[in-house]
N, C-alpha and C. Protein backbone atom coordinates (compact mmCIF):
# COMPACT_ATOMS: atom_id res chain seq x y z
N MET A 1 27.63 -51.02 0.04
CA MET A 1 28.50 -52.20 0.02
C MET A 1 29.31 -51.96 1.14
N SER A 2 30.21 -50.93 0.50
CA SER A 2 30.97 -50.71 1.07
C SER A 2 31.68 -50.12 2.87
N SER A 3 29.87 -49.44 3.24
CA SER A 3 29.90 -49.04 4.45
C SER A 3 29.83 -50.41 5.49
N VAL A 4 29.50 -51.47 4.71
CA VAL A 4 29.41 -52.82 5.64
C VAL A 4 30.86 -53.65 5.43
N LYS A 5 31.35 -53.14 4.20
CA LYS A 5 32.59 -54.12 4.28
C LYS A 5 33.75 -53.37 4.82
N GLY A 6 33.55 -52.42 5.22
CA GLY A 6 34.73 -51.32 6.41
C GLY A 6 33.89 -51.41 7.87
N ILE A 7 33.08 -52.54 8.17
CA ILE A 7 32.63 -52.53 9.40
C ILE A 7 33.72 -52.55 10.67
N PHE A 8 34.71 -52.96 10.31
CA PHE A 8 35.76 -52.90 11.46
C PHE A 8 37.10 -52.17 10.88
N ASP A 9 36.87 -51.33 10.06
CA ASP A 9 37.65 -50.51 9.34
C ASP A 9 38.91 -49.54 10.73
N TRP A 10 37.76 -49.36 11.87
CA TRP A 10 38.44 -48.77 13.29
C TRP A 10 39.90 -49.80 13.83
N VAL A 11 39.36 -50.96 13.35
CA VAL A 11 40.53 -51.93 14.21
C VAL A 11 42.01 -51.90 13.64
N VAL A 12 41.68 -51.99 11.97
CA VAL A 12 42.87 -52.10 11.38
C VAL A 12 43.39 -51.00 11.10
N LYS A 13 42.74 -49.61 11.21
CA LYS A 13 43.09 -48.27 11.42
C LYS A 13 43.92 -47.60 12.42
N GLU A 14 43.76 -48.67 13.52
CA GLU A 14 44.39 -48.52 14.86
C GLU A 14 43.93 -47.41 15.40
N GLU A 15 42.29 -46.81 15.24
CA GLU A 15 41.58 -45.82 15.72
C GLU A 15 41.22 -46.44 17.36
N ALA A 16 41.24 -47.51 17.52
CA ALA A 16 40.65 -47.71 19.22
C ALA A 16 41.33 -47.50 20.02
N VAL A 17 40.50 -47.41 21.17
CA VAL A 17 41.68 -47.35 22.59
C VAL A 17 41.56 -48.63 23.02
N ILE A 18 42.78 -49.25 23.50
CA ILE A 18 43.28 -50.03 24.30
C ILE A 18 42.93 -50.32 25.79
N VAL A 19 42.25 -51.33 26.19
CA VAL A 19 41.56 -50.93 27.70
C VAL A 19 42.27 -52.47 27.97
N THR A 20 42.67 -52.25 29.12
CA THR A 20 43.23 -53.63 29.53
C THR A 20 43.38 -53.20 31.14
N ASP A 21 44.19 -54.21 31.82
CA ASP A 21 43.92 -54.37 33.59
C ASP A 21 45.34 -54.19 33.65
N SER A 22 46.28 -54.61 33.00
CA SER A 22 47.80 -54.45 33.32
C SER A 22 48.47 -53.25 32.98
N ALA A 23 49.00 -52.57 34.06
CA ALA A 23 49.94 -51.16 34.32
C ALA A 23 50.73 -51.19 33.38
N GLU A 24 51.28 -52.26 33.04
CA GLU A 24 52.69 -52.45 33.03
C GLU A 24 52.65 -52.38 31.08
N TYR A 25 51.13 -53.21 30.79
CA TYR A 25 51.18 -52.98 29.32
C TYR A 25 50.63 -51.74 28.80
N VAL A 26 49.28 -50.83 29.50
CA VAL A 26 49.52 -49.54 29.04
C VAL A 26 50.59 -48.51 29.05
N SER A 27 51.41 -48.57 30.27
CA SER A 27 52.88 -47.86 30.14
C SER A 27 53.09 -48.47 28.49
N HIS A 28 53.48 -49.86 28.40
CA HIS A 28 54.33 -50.23 27.19
C HIS A 28 53.48 -49.86 26.07
N LEU A 29 52.27 -49.57 25.78
CA LEU A 29 51.44 -48.92 24.63
C LEU A 29 51.99 -47.42 24.78
N LEU A 30 51.61 -47.09 25.84
CA LEU A 30 51.60 -45.67 25.57
C LEU A 30 53.09 -45.09 25.46
N GLY A 31 54.32 -45.73 25.62
CA GLY A 31 55.73 -45.92 24.93
C GLY A 31 55.72 -45.81 23.58
N ARG A 32 54.84 -46.65 23.17
CA ARG A 32 54.39 -46.65 21.67
C ARG A 32 53.86 -45.94 20.63
N GLY A 33 52.99 -44.95 21.70
CA GLY A 33 52.16 -43.83 20.90
C GLY A 33 50.95 -44.47 20.68
N VAL A 34 50.53 -44.98 21.53
CA VAL A 34 49.37 -46.07 20.91
C VAL A 34 48.58 -45.35 22.13
N HIS A 35 47.28 -45.15 22.04
CA HIS A 35 46.29 -44.70 23.25
C HIS A 35 45.70 -46.01 23.84
N ALA A 36 46.06 -46.09 24.95
CA ALA A 36 45.70 -47.24 26.36
C ALA A 36 45.10 -46.83 27.86
N GLU A 37 44.00 -47.19 28.02
CA GLU A 37 43.54 -46.94 29.43
C GLU A 37 43.14 -48.35 30.50
N ASN A 38 43.46 -47.70 31.60
CA ASN A 38 43.61 -48.98 32.60
C ASN A 38 42.07 -49.42 32.60
N ILE A 39 40.99 -50.58 32.75
CA ILE A 39 39.78 -50.57 33.10
C ILE A 39 39.51 -50.35 34.25
N HIS A 40 40.28 -50.67 34.75
CA HIS A 40 39.76 -49.98 36.51
C HIS A 40 39.63 -48.60 36.84
N ASP A 41 39.86 -47.73 36.03
CA ASP A 41 39.83 -46.84 35.87
C ASP A 41 38.82 -45.97 35.44
N MET A 42 38.26 -46.83 34.72
CA MET A 42 37.11 -46.15 33.38
C MET A 42 35.53 -46.45 34.23
N GLU A 43 34.37 -45.86 33.93
CA GLU A 43 32.99 -46.13 34.54
C GLU A 43 32.84 -46.49 32.80
N ILE A 44 32.96 -46.32 31.74
CA ILE A 44 32.18 -47.03 30.52
C ILE A 44 33.59 -46.84 29.79
N LEU A 45 32.98 -47.60 28.62
CA LEU A 45 34.27 -48.03 27.48
C LEU A 45 33.94 -46.77 26.54
N PRO A 46 34.91 -46.72 26.15
CA PRO A 46 35.52 -45.67 24.83
C PRO A 46 34.20 -45.95 23.92
N ALA A 47 34.16 -45.29 23.08
CA ALA A 47 33.50 -45.56 22.03
C ALA A 47 33.53 -46.50 21.07
N LYS A 48 35.52 -46.92 20.95
CA LYS A 48 35.78 -48.35 19.94
C LYS A 48 36.95 -48.23 21.01
N SER A 49 36.82 -49.44 21.64
CA SER A 49 37.81 -50.29 22.23
C SER A 49 38.28 -51.40 21.46
N ILE A 50 39.61 -51.80 22.27
CA ILE A 50 39.54 -53.14 22.26
C ILE A 50 40.17 -53.77 23.52
N VAL A 51 39.49 -54.47 24.40
CA VAL A 51 39.94 -54.87 25.74
C VAL A 51 40.41 -55.95 25.99
N LEU A 52 41.35 -56.07 26.59
CA LEU A 52 42.61 -57.03 26.75
C LEU A 52 42.43 -57.15 28.08
N SER A 53 41.79 -58.48 28.62
CA SER A 53 42.11 -58.69 30.28
C SER A 53 42.98 -59.75 30.40
N PHE A 54 44.03 -58.97 31.56
CA PHE A 54 45.22 -60.44 31.83
C PHE A 54 44.69 -61.04 32.88
N SER A 55 43.48 -60.47 33.50
CA SER A 55 42.14 -61.46 34.74
C SER A 55 40.93 -61.67 34.59
N LYS A 56 40.77 -62.83 35.62
CA LYS A 56 39.05 -63.11 35.44
C LYS A 56 38.60 -61.49 35.85
N GLY A 57 38.86 -60.85 36.93
CA GLY A 57 38.61 -59.80 37.38
C GLY A 57 38.00 -58.74 36.44
N ALA A 58 39.27 -58.30 35.48
CA ALA A 58 39.00 -57.46 34.20
C ALA A 58 37.89 -58.34 33.37
N SER A 59 37.89 -59.45 33.19
CA SER A 59 36.78 -59.61 32.43
C SER A 59 35.51 -59.47 32.83
N LYS A 60 35.30 -59.45 34.03
CA LYS A 60 34.11 -59.24 34.76
C LYS A 60 33.96 -57.67 34.68
N ARG A 61 34.88 -56.93 34.70
CA ARG A 61 34.90 -55.67 34.85
C ARG A 61 34.84 -54.95 33.47
N ALA A 62 34.44 -55.65 32.45
CA ALA A 62 34.67 -55.40 30.75
C ALA A 62 33.09 -55.67 30.68
N PHE A 63 32.85 -56.74 31.19
CA PHE A 63 31.16 -56.92 30.78
C PHE A 63 30.31 -55.80 31.65
N GLU A 64 30.80 -55.77 32.95
CA GLU A 64 30.09 -54.63 33.66
C GLU A 64 29.58 -53.29 33.29
N ILE A 65 30.89 -52.68 32.66
CA ILE A 65 30.69 -51.16 32.16
C ILE A 65 30.16 -52.05 30.33
N ALA A 66 30.29 -52.77 29.65
CA ALA A 66 29.66 -52.52 28.91
C ALA A 66 28.24 -52.70 28.73
N LYS A 67 27.73 -53.24 29.32
CA LYS A 67 26.44 -52.82 29.89
C LYS A 67 25.55 -51.44 30.13
N ILE A 68 26.61 -50.87 30.61
CA ILE A 68 26.41 -49.33 30.90
C ILE A 68 26.43 -48.24 29.82
N SER A 69 27.44 -48.65 29.25
CA SER A 69 28.08 -47.89 27.82
C SER A 69 27.32 -47.88 26.84
N ILE A 70 26.31 -46.98 26.32
CA ILE A 70 25.69 -46.63 25.47
C ILE A 70 26.15 -46.88 24.11
N GLU A 71 27.26 -45.81 23.45
CA GLU A 71 27.50 -45.93 22.05
C GLU A 71 28.95 -46.74 22.08
N LYS A 72 28.82 -48.03 21.76
CA LYS A 72 30.46 -48.34 22.09
C LYS A 72 30.52 -49.60 20.90
N GLU A 73 31.80 -49.80 20.30
CA GLU A 73 31.96 -50.79 18.96
C GLU A 73 33.23 -50.91 20.14
N CYS A 74 32.93 -52.86 20.68
CA CYS A 74 34.32 -53.04 21.18
C CYS A 74 34.35 -54.83 21.30
N ILE A 75 35.76 -54.72 20.79
CA ILE A 75 35.95 -56.24 20.69
C ILE A 75 36.90 -56.62 22.14
N PHE A 76 36.98 -57.68 22.57
CA PHE A 76 36.93 -58.71 23.84
C PHE A 76 37.95 -59.62 23.53
N CYS A 77 38.97 -59.78 24.14
CA CYS A 77 39.94 -60.72 24.07
C CYS A 77 40.48 -60.64 25.69
N ALA A 78 40.05 -62.13 26.43
CA ALA A 78 40.21 -62.74 27.61
C ALA A 78 41.54 -63.39 27.79
N LEU A 79 42.65 -62.67 27.40
CA LEU A 79 44.17 -62.83 27.47
C LEU A 79 44.15 -63.71 28.48
N HIS A 80 43.85 -64.17 29.64
CA HIS A 80 44.26 -64.49 30.90
C HIS A 80 43.81 -66.15 30.78
N VAL A 81 42.98 -65.99 29.84
CA VAL A 81 42.56 -67.75 29.68
C VAL A 81 43.16 -68.41 28.77
N PHE A 82 44.35 -67.62 28.04
CA PHE A 82 44.89 -68.29 26.86
C PHE A 82 46.30 -68.10 27.94
N GLU A 83 46.84 -66.96 27.73
CA GLU A 83 48.35 -66.74 28.32
C GLU A 83 48.16 -64.80 28.05
N SER A 84 48.78 -64.89 29.42
CA SER A 84 48.33 -63.38 29.52
C SER A 84 49.62 -62.47 29.77
N SER A 85 50.71 -62.57 28.83
CA SER A 85 51.72 -61.98 28.93
C SER A 85 51.61 -60.84 27.78
N LEU A 86 52.77 -59.84 27.87
CA LEU A 86 52.66 -58.93 27.35
C LEU A 86 53.12 -59.40 25.75
N SER A 87 53.63 -60.03 25.60
CA SER A 87 54.26 -60.43 24.04
C SER A 87 52.84 -61.19 23.30
N HIS A 88 51.74 -61.90 24.08
CA HIS A 88 50.59 -62.43 23.56
C HIS A 88 49.58 -61.43 23.66
N ALA A 89 50.20 -60.40 24.33
CA ALA A 89 49.25 -59.42 23.70
C ALA A 89 49.49 -57.86 22.67
N ASP A 90 50.53 -58.33 22.51
CA ASP A 90 50.83 -57.54 20.99
C ASP A 90 51.02 -58.41 20.40
N TYR A 91 50.82 -59.80 20.27
CA TYR A 91 50.40 -60.77 19.00
C TYR A 91 48.66 -60.67 18.67
N ALA A 92 47.89 -60.47 19.67
CA ALA A 92 46.91 -60.11 19.86
C ALA A 92 46.47 -59.39 18.77
N LEU A 93 47.02 -58.22 19.34
CA LEU A 93 46.88 -56.63 18.49
C LEU A 93 47.05 -56.88 16.99
N SER A 94 48.48 -57.42 16.74
CA SER A 94 49.11 -57.43 15.80
C SER A 94 47.96 -58.59 14.62
N LEU A 95 47.44 -59.43 15.07
CA LEU A 95 46.40 -60.18 14.66
C LEU A 95 45.28 -59.33 13.89
N LEU A 96 44.65 -58.77 15.10
CA LEU A 96 43.51 -57.79 14.89
C LEU A 96 43.40 -56.52 13.81
N ALA A 97 44.78 -56.21 13.90
CA ALA A 97 45.35 -55.37 12.76
C ALA A 97 45.66 -55.94 11.50
N GLY A 98 45.82 -56.76 11.54
CA GLY A 98 46.43 -57.60 10.08
C GLY A 98 44.92 -58.19 9.63
N SER A 99 43.97 -58.47 10.51
CA SER A 99 43.02 -58.94 10.30
C SER A 99 41.71 -58.63 8.71
N ASP A 100 41.02 -59.48 7.93
CA ASP A 100 40.52 -58.99 6.83
C ASP A 100 38.99 -59.68 7.54
N PHE A 101 38.33 -58.72 8.71
CA PHE A 101 36.79 -58.85 8.79
C PHE A 101 35.77 -59.24 8.16
N TYR A 102 35.44 -58.45 6.82
CA TYR A 102 34.80 -58.60 5.65
C TYR A 102 34.99 -60.24 5.11
N SER A 103 35.97 -60.76 4.81
CA SER A 103 36.61 -61.49 4.42
C SER A 103 36.44 -62.94 5.22
N SER A 104 36.61 -62.49 6.14
CA SER A 104 36.33 -63.95 6.82
C SER A 104 34.57 -64.10 7.44
N LEU A 105 34.12 -62.81 7.58
CA LEU A 105 32.34 -63.27 7.73
C LEU A 105 32.18 -63.57 6.26
N GLU A 106 32.53 -63.40 5.39
CA GLU A 106 32.11 -64.07 4.15
C GLU A 106 32.43 -65.60 3.77
N SER A 107 33.19 -65.98 4.28
CA SER A 107 33.75 -67.55 4.55
C SER A 107 32.65 -68.27 5.52
N GLN A 108 32.69 -67.56 6.36
CA GLN A 108 31.57 -68.48 7.08
C GLN A 108 30.29 -68.05 6.83
N LYS A 109 29.95 -67.87 6.12
CA LYS A 109 28.36 -67.80 5.74
C LYS A 109 28.92 -68.78 4.37
N LYS A 110 29.62 -69.12 3.29
CA LYS A 110 29.21 -69.96 2.80
C LYS A 110 29.75 -71.22 3.45
N ILE A 111 30.53 -71.43 4.69
CA ILE A 111 30.70 -72.56 5.20
C ILE A 111 29.41 -72.87 5.97
N LEU A 112 28.74 -72.05 6.46
CA LEU A 112 27.18 -72.27 7.35
C LEU A 112 25.85 -72.75 6.36
N ALA A 113 26.17 -72.02 5.02
CA ALA A 113 25.69 -72.71 3.71
C ALA A 113 25.62 -74.08 3.79
N LYS A 114 26.73 -74.52 3.58
CA LYS A 114 27.44 -75.91 3.50
C LYS A 114 26.70 -77.15 4.69
N LEU A 115 26.83 -75.95 6.00
CA LEU A 115 26.18 -77.50 6.99
C LEU A 115 24.99 -77.51 7.25
N ASP A 116 24.13 -76.48 6.39
CA ASP A 116 22.93 -76.93 6.43
C ASP A 116 22.63 -78.24 5.19
N VAL A 117 23.37 -78.64 4.47
CA VAL A 117 23.08 -79.54 3.58
C VAL A 117 23.63 -80.72 4.11
N VAL A 118 24.74 -80.80 4.99
CA VAL A 118 25.37 -81.94 4.89
C VAL A 118 25.62 -82.37 6.44
N ASP A 119 25.54 -83.74 6.82
CA ASP A 119 25.72 -84.06 7.98
C ASP A 119 26.88 -84.93 8.85
N ARG A 120 27.51 -84.94 7.65
CA ARG A 120 29.05 -85.83 7.60
C ARG A 120 29.91 -85.18 6.66
N PHE A 121 31.39 -84.78 7.22
CA PHE A 121 32.45 -84.18 6.37
C PHE A 121 33.52 -84.57 6.62
N GLN A 122 34.60 -84.80 5.90
CA GLN A 122 35.94 -85.36 6.45
C GLN A 122 36.69 -83.91 5.97
N ILE A 123 38.00 -83.58 7.14
CA ILE A 123 38.87 -82.86 7.18
C ILE A 123 40.22 -83.58 6.78
N LEU A 124 40.64 -82.68 5.68
CA LEU A 124 42.13 -83.61 5.32
C LEU A 124 43.17 -82.03 5.47
N GLY A 125 44.23 -82.65 5.38
CA GLY A 125 45.61 -81.51 5.17
C GLY A 125 46.58 -81.31 6.27
N ARG A 126 47.93 -81.28 5.56
CA ARG A 126 49.09 -81.31 6.40
C ARG A 126 48.97 -82.54 7.46
N GLY A 127 48.96 -83.67 6.93
CA GLY A 127 49.29 -85.51 7.21
C GLY A 127 48.07 -85.51 8.21
N ALA A 128 47.01 -84.80 8.13
CA ALA A 128 45.75 -85.23 9.30
C ALA A 128 44.75 -85.41 8.18
N LYS A 129 43.69 -85.90 9.34
CA LYS A 129 42.82 -86.54 8.31
C LYS A 129 41.56 -87.02 9.38
N GLY A 130 40.65 -86.52 9.04
CA GLY A 130 39.31 -86.64 10.30
C GLY A 130 38.09 -86.66 9.85
N GLU A 131 36.94 -87.27 10.27
CA GLU A 131 35.73 -87.13 9.63
C GLU A 131 34.90 -86.87 11.42
N ILE A 132 33.94 -85.76 10.54
CA ILE A 132 33.22 -85.23 11.81
C ILE A 132 31.77 -85.48 11.36
N ILE A 133 30.67 -85.60 12.29
CA ILE A 133 29.56 -86.05 11.89
C ILE A 133 28.56 -85.43 12.95
N LEU A 134 27.88 -85.01 12.34
CA LEU A 134 26.89 -83.72 13.01
C LEU A 134 25.83 -84.33 13.72
N ARG A 135 25.21 -83.87 14.91
CA ARG A 135 24.24 -84.38 15.36
C ARG A 135 22.93 -83.68 14.88
N PRO A 136 22.12 -84.67 15.07
CA PRO A 136 21.05 -84.73 14.43
C PRO A 136 20.40 -83.08 15.13
N GLY A 137 19.91 -82.10 14.57
CA GLY A 137 19.45 -81.01 15.13
C GLY A 137 20.56 -79.91 15.41
N ALA A 138 22.04 -80.27 15.53
CA ALA A 138 22.69 -79.49 15.98
C ALA A 138 22.70 -78.17 15.41
N THR A 139 22.76 -77.32 15.77
CA THR A 139 22.95 -75.52 15.43
C THR A 139 24.28 -75.20 15.09
N PRO A 140 24.96 -74.77 13.96
CA PRO A 140 26.25 -74.48 13.86
C PRO A 140 26.29 -73.02 14.47
N TYR A 141 27.40 -72.29 14.83
CA TYR A 141 27.58 -70.98 15.48
C TYR A 141 28.58 -70.33 14.68
N ALA A 142 28.33 -69.44 13.95
CA ALA A 142 28.76 -68.10 12.95
C ALA A 142 28.69 -67.24 13.20
N MET A 143 29.57 -66.46 12.79
CA MET A 143 28.82 -64.59 12.61
C MET A 143 29.04 -64.32 11.63
N ILE A 144 27.89 -63.99 10.66
CA ILE A 144 28.04 -63.24 9.54
C ILE A 144 27.41 -61.50 9.19
N LEU A 145 27.55 -60.92 8.09
CA LEU A 145 27.49 -59.45 8.16
C LEU A 145 26.01 -59.44 8.69
N ASP A 146 25.13 -59.65 9.00
CA ASP A 146 23.75 -59.06 9.23
C ASP A 146 23.95 -59.12 11.26
N ASP A 147 24.38 -59.99 11.75
CA ASP A 147 24.82 -60.34 12.95
C ASP A 147 26.34 -59.00 13.63
N VAL A 148 26.78 -58.83 12.43
CA VAL A 148 27.98 -57.50 12.84
C VAL A 148 27.18 -56.01 12.64
N LYS A 149 25.95 -56.07 11.64
CA LYS A 149 25.64 -54.62 11.83
C LYS A 149 24.53 -54.15 13.05
N LYS A 150 24.27 -54.89 13.87
CA LYS A 150 23.63 -54.76 14.85
C LYS A 150 24.34 -55.05 16.50
N ILE A 151 25.34 -55.32 16.30
CA ILE A 151 26.28 -56.27 17.43
C ILE A 151 26.98 -55.11 17.83
N ILE A 152 27.25 -55.12 18.91
CA ILE A 152 28.31 -53.76 19.25
C ILE A 152 29.66 -54.11 20.22
N PHE A 153 28.94 -55.19 20.85
CA PHE A 153 30.37 -55.92 21.57
C PHE A 153 30.55 -57.44 21.16
N ILE A 154 31.92 -57.74 20.69
CA ILE A 154 32.39 -58.93 20.47
C ILE A 154 33.16 -59.57 21.29
N GLN A 155 33.45 -60.50 21.76
CA GLN A 155 34.09 -61.14 22.45
C GLN A 155 35.24 -61.91 21.61
N LEU A 156 36.25 -61.96 21.75
CA LEU A 156 37.23 -63.34 20.82
C LEU A 156 37.13 -64.19 21.91
N LEU A 157 36.98 -65.28 21.23
CA LEU A 157 37.44 -67.07 21.74
C LEU A 157 38.61 -67.52 22.19
N SER A 158 39.73 -66.88 20.89
CA SER A 158 40.47 -67.51 21.30
C SER A 158 41.26 -65.54 20.23
N SER A 159 42.46 -65.40 20.79
CA SER A 159 43.27 -63.85 20.36
C SER A 159 43.73 -64.38 19.21
N SER A 160 43.82 -65.74 18.36
CA SER A 160 43.76 -65.55 16.58
C SER A 160 42.65 -66.15 16.45
N ARG A 161 41.78 -66.85 16.66
CA ARG A 161 40.84 -67.69 15.70
C ARG A 161 39.82 -67.29 15.50
N CYS A 162 38.72 -67.27 16.63
CA CYS A 162 37.56 -67.41 16.51
C CYS A 162 36.79 -65.55 17.07
N ILE A 163 35.65 -65.54 16.39
CA ILE A 163 34.83 -64.18 17.25
C ILE A 163 33.36 -64.79 17.58
N MET A 164 33.00 -64.49 18.60
CA MET A 164 31.53 -64.84 19.02
C MET A 164 30.82 -63.70 19.52
N ARG A 165 29.68 -63.68 18.85
CA ARG A 165 28.74 -62.33 19.15
C ARG A 165 28.11 -62.66 20.78
N THR A 166 28.00 -61.34 21.06
CA THR A 166 27.49 -61.65 22.83
C THR A 166 26.52 -60.26 23.01
């Protein structure tokens, strides 16, 4: 179990190469002693990488080279969809480095189990209240440990919240 539990240790231990299309951000990271490279100077992805795209073109390039990169573990975050600033890129990296991926995957497994047996539930908290009704036949999506064991490219839907298998 420990090998599965530590499946994202390379992110937390900062062993990944940060790949981005921002020359300014590459310089910023290199100045802090972080291994960073420009995506437009690459033919394949490094074995372990975190791709932060500041533009739609960089996102397209990331997917193109991911297809031809044989040995890779990659987390992809399209910063340009949310906020393509250096401070947001730093924030995204800090969240990744501080994430407990194993615990998150275990939590998602429990939530999926609950969604298998209910079609309506309430969300309450911090002055908010809501009800969610699932359509018949709706399939919830979440990543579980079995997914992670066999994937090599993960796309973050938000730099701080969700992970999607691609």
